[in-house]
């Protein structure tokens, strides 16, 4: 939600809205790397989302294809990072150490 207090689903709600922990009934972006990046950019710029969960359409190779083909296009558009300042995920997210 924008403009107010954000309400995020609990892990249980997320699992309940998906099948065995996988995403279903959500938009599927298919096509060339440029077309996929176009769709993702449109959703992001219009504030229809603030990020994406990428799910494999096939194995092996789906994630590798996405990283090799789509991520560079998103990086060219300034929609994906090209480098990180920290060494850990905690650092990247700006979270304090326990």
Protein backbone atom coordinates (compact mmCIF):
# COMPACT_ATOMS: atom_id res chain seq x y z
CA UNK A 1 0.00 0.00 0.00
CA UNK A 2 1.32 3.44 -0.84
CA UNK A 3 0.79 6.57 1.16
CA UNK A 4 -0.07 4.80 4.39
CA UNK A 5 1.15 2.10 6.65
CA UNK A 6 2.35 -0.83 4.56
CA UNK A 7 0.64 -4.14 5.14
CA UNK A 8 2.63 -7.16 4.08
CA UNK A 9 1.36 -10.74 4.11
CA UNK A 10 2.69 -13.05 6.76
CA UNK A 11 4.65 -16.07 5.62
CA UNK A 12 1.57 -18.21 6.31
CA UNK A 13 -0.64 -15.93 4.22
CA UNK A 14 1.89 -16.04 1.40
CA UNK A 15 1.96 -19.84 1.45
CA UNK A 16 -1.84 -19.92 1.70
CA UNK A 17 -2.11 -17.78 -1.42
CA UNK A 18 0.24 -20.01 -3.34
CA UNK A 19 0.38 -23.67 -4.17
CA UNK A 20 2.96 -25.51 -2.07
CA UNK A 21 4.99 -22.33 -1.77
CA UNK A 22 5.02 -21.51 -5.48
CA UNK A 23 3.41 -18.50 -7.08
CA UNK A 24 0.31 -18.97 -9.19
CA UNK A 25 -2.38 -16.77 -10.71
CA UNK A 26 0.06 -13.89 -11.08
CA UNK A 27 1.13 -12.09 -14.23
CA UNK A 28 3.56 -14.05 -16.34
CA UNK A 29 6.03 -12.10 -18.44
CA UNK A 30 7.23 -14.05 -21.48
CA UNK A 31 9.01 -13.05 -24.65
CA UNK A 32 12.33 -11.58 -25.60
CA UNK A 33 14.57 -10.15 -22.87
CA UNK A 34 13.58 -6.65 -24.05
CA UNK A 35 9.85 -7.45 -23.89
CA UNK A 36 10.18 -8.94 -20.42
CA UNK A 37 12.16 -5.89 -19.25
CA UNK A 38 9.52 -3.61 -20.84
CA UNK A 39 6.75 -5.33 -18.85
CA UNK A 40 8.72 -5.25 -15.60
CA UNK A 41 9.60 -1.58 -16.13
CA UNK A 42 5.96 -0.68 -16.80
CA UNK A 43 4.81 -2.35 -13.59
CA UNK A 44 7.59 -0.79 -11.54
CA UNK A 45 7.33 2.76 -12.95
CA UNK A 46 3.53 2.79 -12.56
CA UNK A 47 4.00 1.69 -8.92
CA UNK A 48 1.95 -1.45 -9.52
CA UNK A 49 4.73 -3.22 -7.59
CA UNK A 50 7.95 -2.51 -5.75
CA UNK A 51 9.78 -5.66 -6.78
CA UNK A 52 9.37 -9.05 -8.38
CA UNK A 53 9.52 -12.69 -7.39
CA UNK A 54 11.02 -14.57 -10.31
CA UNK A 55 9.81 -18.14 -10.73
CA UNK A 56 11.30 -20.68 -13.11
CA UNK A 57 9.22 -21.74 -16.08
CA UNK A 58 11.55 -24.66 -16.74
CA UNK A 59 14.56 -26.34 -15.20
CA UNK A 60 17.41 -26.37 -15.70
CA UNK A 61 18.31 -23.04 -17.19
CA UNK A 62 15.45 -20.63 -16.48
CA UNK A 63 17.22 -18.64 -13.77
CA UNK A 64 20.47 -18.65 -15.70
CA UNK A 65 18.66 -17.31 -18.79
CA UNK A 66 16.97 -14.59 -16.73
CA UNK A 67 20.25 -13.46 -15.16
CA UNK A 68 22.19 -13.65 -18.42
CA UNK A 69 19.57 -12.04 -20.69
CA UNK A 70 17.03 -9.97 -18.73
CA UNK A 71 19.07 -8.61 -15.82
CA UNK A 72 21.56 -6.78 -18.08
CA UNK A 73 18.63 -5.09 -19.84
CA UNK A 74 17.17 -4.04 -16.48
CA UNK A 75 20.60 -2.76 -15.41
CA UNK A 76 20.90 -0.66 -18.59
CA UNK A 77 17.59 0.95 -17.66
CA UNK A 78 18.68 1.62 -14.08
CA UNK A 79 16.13 -0.85 -12.71
CA UNK A 80 18.59 -3.39 -11.32
CA UNK A 81 21.78 -2.88 -9.37
CA UNK A 82 25.11 -3.35 -11.06
CA UNK A 83 27.10 -3.64 -7.83
CA UNK A 84 26.57 -3.89 -4.09
CA UNK A 85 28.16 -1.93 -1.28
CA UNK A 86 28.17 -4.68 1.32
CA UNK A 87 29.36 -8.25 1.53
CA UNK A 88 26.22 -9.92 2.89
CA UNK A 89 22.47 -9.81 2.21
CA UNK A 90 22.07 -8.16 5.62
CA UNK A 91 24.47 -5.41 4.47
CA UNK A 92 22.64 -4.98 1.15
CA UNK A 93 19.32 -4.58 2.97
CA UNK A 94 20.78 -2.16 5.52
CA UNK A 95 19.85 -4.37 8.45
CA UNK A 96 21.58 -4.14 11.81
CA UNK A 97 23.57 -7.10 13.02
CA UNK A 98 21.93 -9.09 15.82
